Amino acid sequence: MGAVYLAVLLVSGGFVLLVDARYRLFCWAAPARATAVLLLGTAFFLSWDLAGIAFGVFLHGGAPYLTGVMLGPELPLEELVFLLFLCELTMVLVLGASRLPRRARERQEELRG
């Protein structure tokens, strides 16, 4: 039971990557740029977490569904995986949503023509 949250994050991230690959939204559209964005985004949120930990705002409460692997005081492994997942999901949603108006116009033109 100790790795349930990590497993859920990895499976969910895998499905987001499948959507990304299918529509070539982010990682498959520009892998180098996507890697840079993922690393910078994750670093930003990780520094945010570290500041919160330093000020005593974020505390790690032991939970049975976490692995127990700690990257630092009050910083579980799952947090890093979650931040990567959050950045990937956000980029896929933003880039996918930006295509919706164009796709709607294309469908309208197909129906008319």
PDB file of N, CA and C in Angstrom:
ATOM      1  N   MET A   1       0.830  -1.199   0.000  1.00  0.00           N
ATOM      2  CA  MET A   1       0.000   0.000   0.000  1.00  0.00           C
ATOM      3  C   MET A   1       0.869   1.255   0.000  1.00  0.00           C
ATOM      4  N   GLY A   2       2.165   1.096   0.273  1.00  0.00           N
ATOM      5  CA  GLY A   2       3.048   2.230   0.429  1.00  0.00           C
ATOM      6  C   GLY A   2       3.379   2.990  -0.842  1.00  0.00           C
ATOM      7  N   ALA A   3       3.018   2.484  -1.996  1.00  0.00           N
ATOM      8  CA  ALA A   3       3.369   3.181  -3.236  1.00  0.00           C
ATOM      9  C   ALA A   3       2.138   3.494  -4.073  1.00  0.00           C
ATOM     10  N   VAL A   4       0.969   3.513  -3.446  1.00  0.00           N
ATOM     11  CA  VAL A   4      -0.280   3.732  -4.189  1.00  0.00           C
ATOM     12  C   VAL A   4      -0.287   5.106  -4.857  1.00  0.00           C
ATOM     13  N   TYR A   5       0.051   6.138  -4.119  1.00  0.00           N
ATOM     14  CA  TYR A   5       0.009   7.492  -4.678  1.00  0.00           C
ATOM     15  C   TYR A   5       1.005   7.639  -5.821  1.00  0.00           C
ATOM     16  N   LEU A   6       2.217   7.098  -5.640  1.00  0.00           N
ATOM     17  CA  LEU A   6       3.221   7.153  -6.692  1.00  0.00           C
ATOM     18  C   LEU A   6       2.733   6.407  -7.934  1.00  0.00           C
ATOM     19  N   ALA A   7       2.131   5.244  -7.730  1.00  0.00           N
ATOM     20  CA  ALA A   7       1.606   4.470  -8.858  1.00  0.00           C
ATOM     21  C   ALA A   7       0.501   5.228  -9.587  1.00  0.00           C
ATOM     22  N   VAL A   8      -0.384   5.867  -8.842  1.00  0.00           N
ATOM     23  CA  VAL A   8      -1.471   6.648  -9.461  1.00  0.00           C
ATOM     24  C   VAL A   8      -0.890   7.808 -10.265  1.00  0.00           C
ATOM     25  N   LEU A   9       0.107   8.480  -9.721  1.00  0.00           N
ATOM     26  CA  LEU A   9       0.757   9.576 -10.446  1.00  0.00           C
ATOM     27  C   LEU A   9       1.413   9.084 -11.727  1.00  0.00           C
ATOM     28  N   LEU A  10       2.105   7.959 -11.660  1.00  0.00           N
ATOM     29  CA  LEU A  10       2.802   7.437 -12.833  1.00  0.00           C
ATOM     30  C   LEU A  10       1.826   6.962 -13.900  1.00  0.00           C
ATOM     31  N   VAL A  11       0.757   6.292 -13.494  1.00  0.00           N
ATOM     32  CA  VAL A  11      -0.249   5.835 -14.465  1.00  0.00           C
ATOM     33  C   VAL A  11      -0.952   7.035 -15.090  1.00  0.00           C
ATOM     34  N   SER A  12      -1.341   7.994 -14.277  1.00  0.00           N
ATOM     35  CA  SER A  12      -1.994   9.197 -14.802  1.00  0.00           C
ATOM     36  C   SER A  12      -1.068   9.950 -15.742  1.00  0.00           C
ATOM     37  N   GLY A  13       0.176  10.076 -15.353  1.00  0.00           N
ATOM     38  CA  GLY A  13       1.162  10.737 -16.213  1.00  0.00           C
ATOM     39  C   GLY A  13       1.353   9.986 -17.520  1.00  0.00           C
ATOM     40  N   GLY A  14       1.319   8.674 -17.453  1.00  0.00           N
ATOM     41  CA  GLY A  14       1.431   7.872 -18.668  1.00  0.00           C
ATOM     42  C   GLY A  14       0.283   8.138 -19.633  1.00  0.00           C
ATOM     43  N   PHE A  15      -0.925   8.268 -19.107  1.00  0.00           N
ATOM     44  CA  PHE A  15      -2.070   8.555 -19.976  1.00  0.00           C
ATOM     45  C   PHE A  15      -1.999   9.963 -20.559  1.00  0.00           C
ATOM     46  N   VAL A  16      -1.507  10.907 -19.783  1.00  0.00           N
ATOM     47  CA  VAL A  16      -1.326  12.268 -20.311  1.00  0.00           C
ATOM     48  C   VAL A  16      -0.296  12.242 -21.433  1.00  0.00           C
ATOM     49  N   LEU A  17       0.769  11.469 -21.250  1.00  0.00           N
ATOM     50  CA  LEU A  17       1.781  11.347 -22.302  1.00  0.00           C
ATOM     51  C   LEU A  17       1.217  10.680 -23.549  1.00  0.00           C
ATOM     52  N   LEU A  18       0.288   9.733 -23.376  1.00  0.00           N
ATOM     53  CA  LEU A  18      -0.357   9.113 -24.536  1.00  0.00           C
ATOM     54  C   LEU A  18      -1.181  10.130 -25.324  1.00  0.00           C
ATOM     55  N   VAL A  19      -1.927  10.970 -24.619  1.00  0.00           N
ATOM     56  CA  VAL A  19      -2.692  12.029 -25.294  1.00  0.00           C
ATOM     57  C   VAL A  19      -1.732  12.994 -25.983  1.00  0.00           C
ATOM     58  N   ASP A  20      -0.663  13.333 -25.287  1.00  0.00           N
ATOM     59  CA  ASP A  20       0.363  14.211 -25.848  1.00  0.00           C
ATOM     60  C   ASP A  20       0.933  13.613 -27.132  1.00  0.00           C
ATOM     61  N   ALA A  21       1.268  12.332 -27.104  1.00  0.00           N
ATOM     62  CA  ALA A  21       1.839  11.672 -28.277  1.00  0.00           C
ATOM     63  C   ALA A  21       0.821  11.586 -29.411  1.00  0.00           C
ATOM     64  N   ARG A  22      -0.415  11.282 -29.085  1.00  0.00           N
ATOM     65  CA  ARG A  22      -1.448  11.119 -30.113  1.00  0.00           C
ATOM     66  C   ARG A  22      -1.658  12.398 -30.915  1.00  0.00           C
ATOM     67  N   TYR A  23      -1.694  13.524 -30.222  1.00  0.00           N
ATOM     68  CA  TYR A  23      -1.974  14.803 -30.880  1.00  0.00           C
ATOM     69  C   TYR A  23      -0.725  15.662 -31.075  1.00  0.00           C
ATOM     70  N   ARG A  24       0.430  15.134 -30.703  1.00  0.00           N
ATOM     71  CA  ARG A  24       1.702  15.861 -30.823  1.00  0.00           C
ATOM     72  C   ARG A  24       1.573  17.294 -30.292  1.00  0.00           C
ATOM     73  N   LEU A  25       1.216  17.364 -29.015  1.00  0.00           N
ATOM     74  CA  LEU A  25       0.946  18.662 -28.405  1.00  0.00           C
ATOM     75  C   LEU A  25       2.198  19.311 -27.805  1.00  0.00           C
ATOM     76  N   PHE A  26       2.974  18.552 -27.056  1.00  0.00           N
ATOM     77  CA  PHE A  26       4.028  19.172 -26.260  1.00  0.00           C
ATOM     78  C   PHE A  26       5.343  18.404 -26.399  1.00  0.00           C
ATOM     79  N   CYS A  27       5.482  17.291 -25.730  1.00  0.00           N
ATOM     80  CA  CYS A  27       6.749  16.538 -25.769  1.00  0.00           C
ATOM     81  C   CYS A  27       7.062  16.017 -27.157  1.00  0.00           C
ATOM     82  N   TRP A  28       6.050  15.583 -27.889  1.00  0.00           N
ATOM     83  CA  TRP A  28       6.300  15.026 -29.209  1.00  0.00           C
ATOM     84  C   TRP A  28       6.355  16.099 -30.294  1.00  0.00           C
ATOM     85  N   ALA A  29       5.918  17.283 -29.994  1.00  0.00           N
ATOM     86  CA  ALA A  29       5.987  18.377 -30.966  1.00  0.00           C
ATOM     87  C   ALA A  29       7.374  19.012 -30.980  1.00  0.00           C
ATOM     88  N   ALA A  30       7.947  19.208 -29.813  1.00  0.00           N
ATOM     89  CA  ALA A  30       9.264  19.843 -29.688  1.00  0.00           C
ATOM     90  C   ALA A  30       9.937  19.306 -28.423  1.00  0.00           C
ATOM     91  N   PRO A  31      10.573  18.141 -28.505  1.00  0.00           N
ATOM     92  CA  PRO A  31      11.110  17.485 -27.311  1.00  0.00           C
ATOM     93  C   PRO A  31      12.122  18.312 -26.515  1.00  0.00           C
ATOM     94  N   ALA A  32      13.023  19.005 -27.181  1.00  0.00           N
ATOM     95  CA  ALA A  32      14.033  19.789 -26.450  1.00  0.00           C
ATOM     96  C   ALA A  32      13.380  20.939 -25.689  1.00  0.00           C
ATOM     97  N   ARG A  33      12.480  21.629 -26.368  1.00  0.00           N
ATOM     98  CA  ARG A  33      11.778  22.745 -25.718  1.00  0.00           C
ATOM     99  C   ARG A  33      10.901  22.237 -24.575  1.00  0.00           C
ATOM    100  N   ALA A  34      10.242  21.114 -24.785  1.00  0.00           N
ATOM    101  CA  ALA A  34       9.378  20.542 -23.743  1.00  0.00           C
ATOM    102  C   ALA A  34      10.195  20.145 -22.516  1.00  0.00           C
ATOM    103  N   THR A  35      11.347  19.562 -22.748  1.00  0.00           N
ATOM    104  CA  THR A  35      12.212  19.187 -21.630  1.00  0.00           C
ATOM    105  C   THR A  35      12.622  20.413 -20.835  1.00  0.00           C
ATOM    106  N   ALA A  36      12.996  21.476 -21.526  1.00  0.00           N
ATOM    107  CA  ALA A  36      13.387  22.710 -20.837  1.00  0.00           C
ATOM    108  C   ALA A  36      12.223  23.279 -20.033  1.00  0.00           C
ATOM    109  N   VAL A  37      11.033  23.295 -20.625  1.00  0.00           N
ATOM    110  CA  VAL A  37       9.854  23.823 -19.928  1.00  0.00           C
ATOM    111  C   VAL A  37       9.526  22.965 -18.709  1.00  0.00           C
ATOM    112  N   LEU A  38       9.573  21.645 -18.867  1.00  0.00           N
ATOM    113  CA  LEU A  38       9.290  20.755 -17.736  1.00  0.00           C
ATOM    114  C   LEU A  38      10.301  20.950 -16.613  1.00  0.00           C
ATOM    115  N   LEU A  39      11.580  21.055 -16.963  1.00  0.00           N
ATOM    116  CA  LEU A  39      12.603  21.242 -15.934  1.00  0.00           C
ATOM    117  C   LEU A  39      12.463  22.593 -15.239  1.00  0.00           C
ATOM    118  N   LEU A  40      12.230  23.647 -16.008  1.00  0.00           N
ATOM    119  CA  LEU A  40      12.074  24.979 -15.400  1.00  0.00           C
ATOM    120  C   LEU A  40      10.805  25.061 -14.551  1.00  0.00           C
ATOM    121  N   GLY A  41       9.716  24.531 -15.056  1.00  0.00           N
ATOM    122  CA  GLY A  41       8.465  24.553 -14.298  1.00  0.00           C
ATOM    123  C   GLY A  41       8.573  23.761 -13.011  1.00  0.00           C
ATOM    124  N   THR A  42       9.161  22.578 -13.109  1.00  0.00           N
ATOM    125  CA  THR A  42       9.324  21.748 -11.916  1.00  0.00           C
ATOM    126  C   THR A  42      10.271  22.414 -10.926  1.00  0.00           C
ATOM    127  N   ALA A  43      11.342  23.013 -11.414  1.00  0.00           N
ATOM    128  CA  ALA A  43      12.280  23.717 -10.530  1.00  0.00           C
ATOM    129  C   ALA A  43      11.597  24.888  -9.827  1.00  0.00           C
ATOM    130  N   PHE A  44      10.746  25.619 -10.561  1.00  0.00           N
ATOM    131  CA  PHE A  44      10.016  26.735  -9.950  1.00  0.00           C
ATOM    132  C   PHE A  44       9.137  26.247  -8.810  1.00  0.00           C
ATOM    133  N   PHE A  45       8.333  25.225  -9.083  1.00  0.00           N
ATOM    134  CA  PHE A  45       7.421  24.732  -8.052  1.00  0.00           C
ATOM    135  C   PHE A  45       8.173  24.037  -6.912  1.00  0.00           C
ATOM    136  N   LEU A  46       9.281  23.397  -7.229  1.00  0.00           N
ATOM    137  CA  LEU A  46      10.083  22.776  -6.182  1.00  0.00           C
ATOM    138  C   LEU A  46      10.684  23.844  -5.270  1.00  0.00           C
ATOM    139  N   SER A  47      11.145  24.940  -5.850  1.00  0.00           N
ATOM    140  CA  SER A  47      11.676  26.025  -5.009  1.00  0.00           C
ATOM    141  C   SER A  47      10.563  26.637  -4.165  1.00  0.00           C
ATOM    142  N   TRP A  48       9.378  26.701  -4.724  1.00  0.00           N
ATOM    143  CA  TRP A  48       8.215  27.181  -3.970  1.00  0.00           C
ATOM    144  C   TRP A  48       7.972  26.248  -2.779  1.00  0.00           C
ATOM    145  N   ASP A  49       7.992  24.953  -3.022  1.00  0.00           N
ATOM    146  CA  ASP A  49       7.807  23.980  -1.945  1.00  0.00           C
ATOM    147  C   ASP A  49       8.898  24.108  -0.889  1.00  0.00           C
ATOM    148  N   LEU A  50      10.147  24.249  -1.334  1.00  0.00           N
ATOM    149  CA  LEU A  50      11.252  24.366  -0.383  1.00  0.00           C
ATOM    150  C   LEU A  50      11.124  25.623   0.472  1.00  0.00           C
ATOM    151  N   ALA A  51      10.656  26.708  -0.128  1.00  0.00           N
ATOM    152  CA  ALA A  51      10.429  27.927   0.653  1.00  0.00           C
ATOM    153  C   ALA A  51       9.308  27.690   1.672  1.00  0.00           C
ATOM    154  N   GLY A  52       8.243  27.037   1.235  1.00  0.00           N
ATOM    155  CA  GLY A  52       7.151  26.725   2.164  1.00  0.00           C
ATOM    156  C   GLY A  52       7.602  25.822   3.296  1.00  0.00           C
ATOM    157  N   ILE A  53       8.461  24.864   2.986  1.00  0.00           N
ATOM    158  CA  ILE A  53       9.001  23.978   4.024  1.00  0.00           C
ATOM    159  C   ILE A  53       9.881  24.776   4.988  1.00  0.00           C
ATOM    160  N   ALA A  54      10.724  25.648   4.454  1.00  0.00           N
ATOM    161  CA  ALA A  54      11.621  26.458   5.289  1.00  0.00           C
ATOM    162  C   ALA A  54      10.836  27.358   6.245  1.00  0.00           C
ATOM    163  N   PHE A  55       9.701  27.883   5.789  1.00  0.00           N
ATOM    164  CA  PHE A  55       8.882  28.758   6.632  1.00  0.00           C
ATOM    165  C   PHE A  55       7.908  27.978   7.514  1.00  0.00           C
ATOM    166  N   GLY A  56       7.929  26.658   7.390  1.00  0.00           N
ATOM    167  CA  GLY A  56       7.063  25.836   8.227  1.00  0.00           C
ATOM    168  C   GLY A  56       5.625  25.762   7.752  1.00  0.00           C
ATOM    169  N   VAL A  57       5.373  26.171   6.521  1.00  0.00           N
ATOM    170  CA  VAL A  57       4.019  26.146   5.982  1.00  0.00           C
ATOM    171  C   VAL A  57       3.659  24.744   5.492  1.00  0.00           C
ATOM    172  N   PHE A  58       4.590  24.091   4.802  1.00  0.00           N
ATOM    173  CA  PHE A  58       4.348  22.755   4.257  1.00  0.00           C
ATOM    174  C   PHE A  58       4.994  21.720   5.178  1.00  0.00           C
ATOM    175  N   LEU A  59       4.191  20.807   5.637  1.00  0.00           N
ATOM    176  CA  LEU A  59       4.685  19.741   6.502  1.00  0.00           C
ATOM    177  C   LEU A  59       4.295  18.398   5.914  1.00  0.00           C
ATOM    178  N   HIS A  60       5.171  17.433   6.070  1.00  0.00           N
ATOM    179  CA  HIS A  60       4.897  16.083   5.588  1.00  0.00           C
ATOM    180  C   HIS A  60       4.235  15.302   6.709  1.00  0.00           C
ATOM    181  N   GLY A  61       2.998  14.958   6.500  1.00  0.00           N
ATOM    182  CA  GLY A  61       2.326  14.090   7.458  1.00  0.00           C
ATOM    183  C   GLY A  61       2.432  12.669   6.941  1.00  0.00           C
ATOM    184  N   GLY A  62       2.946  11.785   7.727  1.00  0.00           N
ATOM    185  CA  GLY A  62       3.105  10.403   7.280  1.00  0.00           C
ATOM    186  C   GLY A  62       1.767   9.822   6.846  1.00  0.00           C
ATOM    187  N   ALA A  63       1.737   9.250   5.681  1.00  0.00           N
ATOM    188  CA  ALA A  63       0.518   8.648   5.157  1.00  0.00           C
ATOM    189  C   ALA A  63       0.834   7.233   4.683  1.00  0.00           C
ATOM    190  N   PRO A  64      -0.097   6.323   4.841  1.00  0.00           N
ATOM    191  CA  PRO A  64       0.175   4.936   4.469  1.00  0.00           C
ATOM    192  C   PRO A  64       0.285   4.704   2.962  1.00  0.00           C
ATOM    193  N   TYR A  65      -0.184   5.627   2.150  1.00  0.00           N
ATOM    194  CA  TYR A  65      -0.152   5.443   0.694  1.00  0.00           C
ATOM    195  C   TYR A  65       1.080   6.068   0.043  1.00  0.00           C
ATOM    196  N   LEU A  66       1.992   6.619   0.826  1.00  0.00           N
ATOM    197  CA  LEU A  66       3.248   7.169   0.309  1.00  0.00           C
ATOM    198  C   LEU A  66       4.367   6.143   0.478  1.00  0.00           C
ATOM    199  N   THR A  67       5.404   6.247  -0.342  1.00  0.00           N
ATOM    200  CA  THR A  67       6.518   5.291  -0.283  1.00  0.00           C
ATOM    201  C   THR A  67       7.375   5.471   0.962  1.00  0.00           C
ATOM    202  N   GLY A  68       7.421   6.668   1.492  1.00  0.00           N
ATOM    203  CA  GLY A  68       8.297   6.947   2.628  1.00  0.00           C
ATOM    204  C   GLY A  68       9.677   7.424   2.200  1.00  0.00           C
ATOM    205  N   VAL A  69       9.929   7.462   0.879  1.00  0.00           N
ATOM    206  CA  VAL A  69      11.209   7.960   0.369  1.00  0.00           C
ATOM    207  C   VAL A  69      11.185   9.485   0.454  1.00  0.00           C
ATOM    208  N   MET A  70      12.140  10.029   1.172  1.00  0.00           N
ATOM    209  CA  MET A  70      12.201  11.472   1.359  1.00  0.00           C
ATOM    210  C   MET A  70      13.398  12.041   0.599  1.00  0.00           C
ATOM    211  N   LEU A  71      13.151  13.087  -0.189  1.00  0.00           N
ATOM    212  CA  LEU A  71      14.226  13.760  -0.925  1.00  0.00           C
ATOM    213  C   LEU A  71      14.903  14.814  -0.059  1.00  0.00           C
ATOM    214  N   GLY A  72      14.237  15.213   0.974  1.00  0.00           N
ATOM    215  CA  GLY A  72      14.738  16.206   1.926  1.00  0.00           C
ATOM    216  C   GLY A  72      13.768  16.243   3.084  1.00  0.00           C
ATOM    217  N   PRO A  73      14.060  17.072   4.075  1.00  0.00           N
ATOM    218  CA  PRO A  73      13.123  17.180   5.191  1.00  0.00           C
ATOM    219  C   PRO A  73      11.759  17.668   4.691  1.00  0.00           C
ATOM    220  N   GLU A  74      10.719  16.950   5.026  1.00  0.00           N
ATOM    221  CA  GLU A  74       9.344  17.298   4.656  1.00  0.00           C
ATOM    222  C   GLU A  74       9.067  17.237   3.153  1.00  0.00           C
ATOM    223  N   LEU A  75       9.966  16.616   2.369  1.00  0.00           N
ATOM    224  CA  LEU A  75       9.805  16.571   0.915  1.00  0.00           C
ATOM    225  C   LEU A  75       9.827  15.121   0.415  1.00  0.00           C
ATOM    226  N   PRO A  76       8.631  14.540   0.233  1.00  0.00           N
ATOM    227  CA  PRO A  76       8.583  13.153  -0.245  1.00  0.00           C
ATOM    228  C   PRO A  76       8.842  13.051  -1.751  1.00  0.00           C
ATOM    229  N   LEU A  77       9.269  11.889  -2.174  1.00  0.00           N
ATOM    230  CA  LEU A  77       9.509  11.609  -3.589  1.00  0.00           C
ATOM    231  C   LEU A  77       8.278  11.918  -4.430  1.00  0.00           C
ATOM    232  N   GLU A  78       7.127  11.599  -3.918  1.00  0.00           N
ATOM    233  CA  GLU A  78       5.883  11.799  -4.660  1.00  0.00           C
ATOM    234  C   GLU A  78       5.660  13.260  -5.029  1.00  0.00           C
ATOM    235  N   GLU A  79       6.185  14.174  -4.246  1.00  0.00           N
ATOM    236  CA  GLU A  79       6.010  15.601  -4.559  1.00  0.00           C
ATOM    237  C   GLU A  79       6.727  15.965  -5.849  1.00  0.00           C
ATOM    238  N   LEU A  80       7.935  15.467  -6.039  1.00  0.00           N
ATOM    239  CA  LEU A  80       8.673  15.736  -7.272  1.00  0.00           C
ATOM    240  C   LEU A  80       7.945  15.138  -8.479  1.00  0.00           C
ATOM    241  N   VAL A  81       7.458  13.910  -8.343  1.00  0.00           N
ATOM    242  CA  VAL A  81       6.721  13.274  -9.433  1.00  0.00           C
ATOM    243  C   VAL A  81       5.434  14.042  -9.709  1.00  0.00           C
ATOM    244  N   PHE A  82       4.750  14.491  -8.654  1.00  0.00           N
ATOM    245  CA  PHE A  82       3.533  15.273  -8.835  1.00  0.00           C
ATOM    246  C   PHE A  82       3.814  16.573  -9.575  1.00  0.00           C
ATOM    247  N   LEU A  83       4.902  17.247  -9.247  1.00  0.00           N
ATOM    248  CA  LEU A  83       5.228  18.512  -9.908  1.00  0.00           C
ATOM    249  C   LEU A  83       5.524  18.307 -11.390  1.00  0.00           C
ATOM    250  N   LEU A  84       6.229  17.237 -11.726  1.00  0.00           N
ATOM    251  CA  LEU A  84       6.453  16.903 -13.142  1.00  0.00           C
ATOM    252  C   LEU A  84       5.120  16.628 -13.847  1.00  0.00           C
ATOM    253  N   PHE A  85       4.278  15.847 -13.188  1.00  0.00           N
ATOM    254  CA  PHE A  85       2.954  15.534 -13.736  1.00  0.00           C
ATOM    255  C   PHE A  85       2.139  16.812 -13.933  1.00  0.00           C
ATOM    256  N   LEU A  86       2.163  17.701 -12.954  1.00  0.00           N
ATOM    257  CA  LEU A  86       1.411  18.948 -13.029  1.00  0.00           C
ATOM    258  C   LEU A  86       1.860  19.800 -14.209  1.00  0.00           C
ATOM    259  N   CYS A  87       3.154  19.911 -14.410  1.00  0.00           N
ATOM    260  CA  CYS A  87       3.676  20.704 -15.526  1.00  0.00           C
ATOM    261  C   CYS A  87       3.298  20.090 -16.869  1.00  0.00           C
ATOM    262  N   GLU A  88       3.441  18.778 -17.013  1.00  0.00           N
ATOM    263  CA  GLU A  88       3.081  18.106 -18.265  1.00  0.00           C
ATOM    264  C   GLU A  88       1.586  18.238 -18.546  1.00  0.00           C
ATOM    265  N   LEU A  89       0.766  17.986 -17.537  1.00  0.00           N
ATOM    266  CA  LEU A  89      -0.685  18.078 -17.702  1.00  0.00           C
ATOM    267  C   LEU A  89      -1.100  19.495 -18.095  1.00  0.00           C
ATOM    268  N   THR A  90      -0.527  20.485 -17.445  1.00  0.00           N
ATOM    269  CA  THR A  90      -0.864  21.874 -17.750  1.00  0.00           C
ATOM    270  C   THR A  90      -0.525  22.219 -19.197  1.00  0.00           C
ATOM    271  N   MET A  91       0.656  21.821 -19.647  1.00  0.00           N
ATOM    272  CA  MET A  91       1.044  22.133 -21.022  1.00  0.00           C
ATOM    273  C   MET A  91       0.162  21.407 -22.036  1.00  0.00           C
ATOM    274  N   VAL A  92      -0.187  20.158 -21.769  1.00  0.00           N
ATOM    275  CA  VAL A  92      -1.060  19.411 -22.682  1.00  0.00           C
ATOM    276  C   VAL A  92      -2.440  20.053 -22.725  1.00  0.00           C
ATOM    277  N   LEU A  93      -2.967  20.461 -21.581  1.00  0.00           N
ATOM    278  CA  LEU A  93      -4.280  21.117 -21.560  1.00  0.00           C
ATOM    279  C   LEU A  93      -4.259  22.459 -22.285  1.00  0.00           C
ATOM    280  N   VAL A  94      -3.252  23.267 -22.017  1.00  0.00           N
ATOM    281  CA  VAL A  94      -3.166  24.592 -22.655  1.00  0.00           C
ATOM    282  C   VAL A  94      -3.000  24.459 -24.165  1.00  0.00           C
ATOM    283  N   LEU A  95      -2.065  23.617 -24.595  1.00  0.00           N
ATOM    284  CA  LEU A  95      -1.820  23.470 -26.024  1.00  0.00           C
ATOM    285  C   LEU A  95      -2.973  22.765 -26.723  1.00  0.00           C
ATOM    286  N   GLY A  96      -3.602  21.823 -26.036  1.00  0.00           N
ATOM    287  CA  GLY A  96      -4.773  21.163 -26.610  1.00  0.00           C
ATOM    288  C   GLY A  96      -5.941  22.120 -26.742  1.00  0.00           C
ATOM    289  N   ALA A  97      -6.174  22.937 -25.717  1.00  0.00           N
ATOM    290  CA  ALA A  97      -7.272  23.907 -25.763  1.00  0.00           C
ATOM    291  C   ALA A  97      -7.043  24.960 -26.834  1.00  0.00           C
ATOM    292  N   SER A  98      -5.788  25.297 -27.095  1.00  0.00           N
ATOM    293  CA  SER A  98      -5.514  26.308 -28.116  1.00  0.00           C
ATOM    294  C   SER A  98      -5.856  25.805 -29.516  1.00  0.00           C
ATOM    295  N   ARG A  99      -5.923  24.502 -29.686  1.00  0.00           N
ATOM    296  CA  ARG A  99      -6.282  23.940 -30.989  1.00  0.00           C
ATOM    297  C   ARG A  99      -7.786  23.830 -31.207  1.00  0.00           C
ATOM    298  N   LEU A 100      -8.559  23.911 -30.156  1.00  0.00           N
ATOM    299  CA  LEU A 100     -10.005  23.701 -30.278  1.00  0.00           C
ATOM    300  C   LEU A 100     -10.695  24.682 -31.218  1.00  0.00           C
ATOM    301  N   PRO A 101     -10.443  25.989 -31.155  1.00  0.00           N
ATOM    302  CA  PRO A 101     -11.124  26.899 -32.083  1.00  0.00           C
ATOM    303  C   PRO A 101     -10.805  26.592 -33.550  1.00  0.00           C
ATOM    304  N   ARG A 102      -9.570  26.271 -33.839  1.00  0.00           N
ATOM    305  CA  ARG A 102      -9.190  25.946 -35.213  1.00  0.00           C
ATOM    306  C   ARG A 102      -9.901  24.682 -35.670  1.00  0.00           C
ATOM    307  N   ARG A 103      -9.949  23.669 -34.807  1.00  0.00           N
ATOM    308  CA  ARG A 103     -10.621  22.419 -35.155  1.00  0.00           C
ATOM    309  C   ARG A 103     -12.115  22.648 -35.379  1.00  0.00           C
ATOM    310  N   ALA A 104     -12.712  23.525 -34.582  1.00  0.00           N
ATOM    311  CA  ALA A 104     -14.137  23.820 -34.751  1.00  0.00           C
ATOM    312  C   ALA A 104     -14.390  24.497 -36.096  1.00  0.00           C
ATOM    313  N   ARG A 105     -13.520  25.436 -36.471  1.00  0.00           N
ATOM    314  CA  ARG A 105     -13.659  26.091 -37.777  1.00  0.00           C
ATOM    315  C   ARG A 105     -13.509  25.091 -38.916  1.00  0.00           C
ATOM    316  N   GLU A 106     -12.516  24.201 -38.799  1.00  0.00           N
ATOM    317  CA  GLU A 106     -12.317  23.194 -39.839  1.00  0.00           C
ATOM    318  C   GLU A 106     -13.531  22.288 -39.990  1.00  0.00           C
ATOM    319  N   ARG A 107     -14.140  21.914 -38.901  1.00  0.00           N
ATOM    320  CA  ARG A 107     -15.323  21.055 -38.967  1.00  0.00           C
ATOM    321  C   ARG A 107     -16.500  21.793 -39.586  1.00  0.00           C
ATOM    322  N   GLN A 108     -16.659  23.055 -39.241  1.00  0.00           N
ATOM    323  CA  GLN A 108     -17.747  23.845 -39.847  1.00  0.00           C
ATOM    324  C   GLN A 108     -17.557  23.942 -41.353  1.00  0.00           C
ATOM    325  N   GLU A 109     -16.318  24.173 -41.784  1.00  0.00           N
ATOM    326  CA  GLU A 109     -16.046  24.256 -43.228  1.00  0.00           C
ATOM    327  C   GLU A 109     -16.313  22.925 -43.914  1.00  0.00           C
ATOM    328  N   GLU A 110     -15.981  21.819 -43.260  1.00  0.00           N
ATOM    329  CA  GLU A 110     -16.254  20.500 -43.840  1.00  0.00           C
ATOM    330  C   GLU A 110     -17.753  20.273 -43.996  1.00  0.00           C
ATOM    331  N   LEU A 111     -18.524  20.704 -43.007  1.00  0.00           N
ATOM    332  CA  LEU A 111     -19.975  20.531 -43.076  1.00  0.00           C
ATOM    333  C   LEU A 111     -20.605  21.401 -44.157  1.00  0.00           C
ATOM    334  N   ARG A 112     -20.063  22.567 -44.366  1.00  0.00           N
ATOM    335  CA  ARG A 112     -20.585  23.486 -45.399  1.00  0.00           C
ATOM    336  C   ARG A 112     -20.194  23.017 -46.800  1.00  0.00           C
ATOM    337  N   GLY A 113     -18.965  22.537 -46.915  1.00  0.00           N
ATOM    338  CA  GLY A 113     -18.424  22.238 -48.245  1.00  0.00           C
ATOM    339  C   GLY A 113     -18.704  20.859 -48.651  1.00  0.00           C
TER     340      GLY A 113
END
